[in-house]
């Protein structure tokens, strides 16, 4: 009877430890996902800040692209 009680106690402890480990794993996964999302959002903000929109008076070198601004209707 004493051996059976010890076995039950050990099984209950194992179950509690396993559940605690799974919960800790889920928290770690959630935190990792949040960290990754935050990293990419910051990277996008940095990339957006580094890129300046082209000026309306920028001359385009390629003939295929035409001019950077419209001089108005042709007469």
Protein backbone atom coordinates (compact mmCIF):
# COMPACT_ATOMS: atom_id res chain seq x y z
CA UNK A 1 0.00 0.00 0.00
CA UNK A 2 2.84 2.39 0.84
CA UNK A 3 4.55 1.61 -2.45
CA UNK A 4 1.31 2.28 -4.33
CA UNK A 5 0.91 5.67 -2.61
CA UNK A 6 4.49 6.61 -3.50
CA UNK A 7 3.86 5.60 -7.11
CA UNK A 8 0.69 7.76 -7.26
CA UNK A 9 2.55 10.69 -5.72
CA UNK A 10 5.40 10.32 -8.24
CA UNK A 11 2.94 10.16 -11.14
CA UNK A 12 1.11 13.27 -9.92
CA UNK A 13 4.40 15.13 -9.53
CA UNK A 14 5.46 14.08 -13.03
CA UNK A 15 2.15 15.26 -14.46
CA UNK A 16 2.42 18.63 -12.69
CA UNK A 17 5.99 19.09 -13.90
CA UNK A 18 5.00 18.20 -17.46
CA UNK A 19 2.10 20.65 -17.40
CA UNK A 20 4.35 23.35 -15.97
CA UNK A 21 6.92 22.66 -18.67
CA UNK A 22 4.31 22.90 -21.41
CA UNK A 23 3.01 26.18 -19.98
CA UNK A 24 6.54 27.56 -19.81
CA UNK A 25 7.12 26.44 -23.40
CA UNK A 26 3.96 28.21 -24.54
CA UNK A 27 5.02 31.40 -22.74
CA UNK A 28 8.45 31.18 -24.37
CA UNK A 29 6.90 30.65 -27.82
CA UNK A 30 4.57 33.63 -27.31
CA UNK A 31 7.43 35.85 -26.14
CA UNK A 32 9.59 34.75 -29.07
CA UNK A 33 6.80 35.51 -31.54
CA UNK A 34 6.33 38.96 -30.01
CA UNK A 35 10.09 39.62 -30.15
CA UNK A 36 10.25 38.62 -33.82
CA UNK A 37 7.24 40.77 -34.70
CA UNK A 38 8.73 43.76 -32.87
CA UNK A 39 12.07 43.26 -34.65
CA UNK A 40 10.45 43.27 -38.09
CA UNK A 41 8.30 46.31 -37.27
CA UNK A 42 11.39 48.23 -36.17
CA UNK A 43 13.26 47.12 -39.29
CA UNK A 44 10.44 48.36 -41.50
CA UNK A 45 10.36 51.71 -39.69
CA UNK A 46 14.13 52.08 -40.13
CA UNK A 47 13.92 51.15 -43.81
CA UNK A 48 11.09 53.63 -44.32
CA UNK A 49 12.98 56.40 -42.54
CA UNK A 50 16.13 55.77 -44.58
CA UNK A 51 14.25 55.92 -47.88
CA UNK A 52 13.31 59.42 -48.82
CA UNK A 53 10.52 59.83 -51.34
CA UNK A 54 11.81 61.02 -54.70
CA UNK A 55 11.69 64.74 -55.25
CA UNK A 56 9.23 66.08 -57.83
CA UNK A 57 12.11 67.78 -59.61
CA UNK A 58 14.29 64.67 -59.88
CA UNK A 59 15.58 64.08 -63.39
CA UNK A 60 15.37 60.51 -64.62
CA UNK A 61 18.34 59.31 -66.67
CA UNK A 62 16.57 56.69 -68.75
CA UNK A 63 14.72 57.75 -71.92
CA UNK A 64 12.29 54.91 -71.31
CA UNK A 65 11.24 56.41 -67.99
CA UNK A 66 10.65 59.92 -69.33
CA UNK A 67 10.73 63.01 -67.16
CA UNK A 68 10.22 63.20 -63.43
CA UNK A 69 7.59 65.93 -63.75
CA UNK A 70 4.98 66.96 -66.24
CA UNK A 71 5.54 70.36 -67.79
CA UNK A 72 1.89 70.67 -68.74
CA UNK A 73 -0.14 70.01 -71.88
CA UNK A 74 1.71 70.07 -75.17
CA UNK A 75 0.59 72.73 -77.65
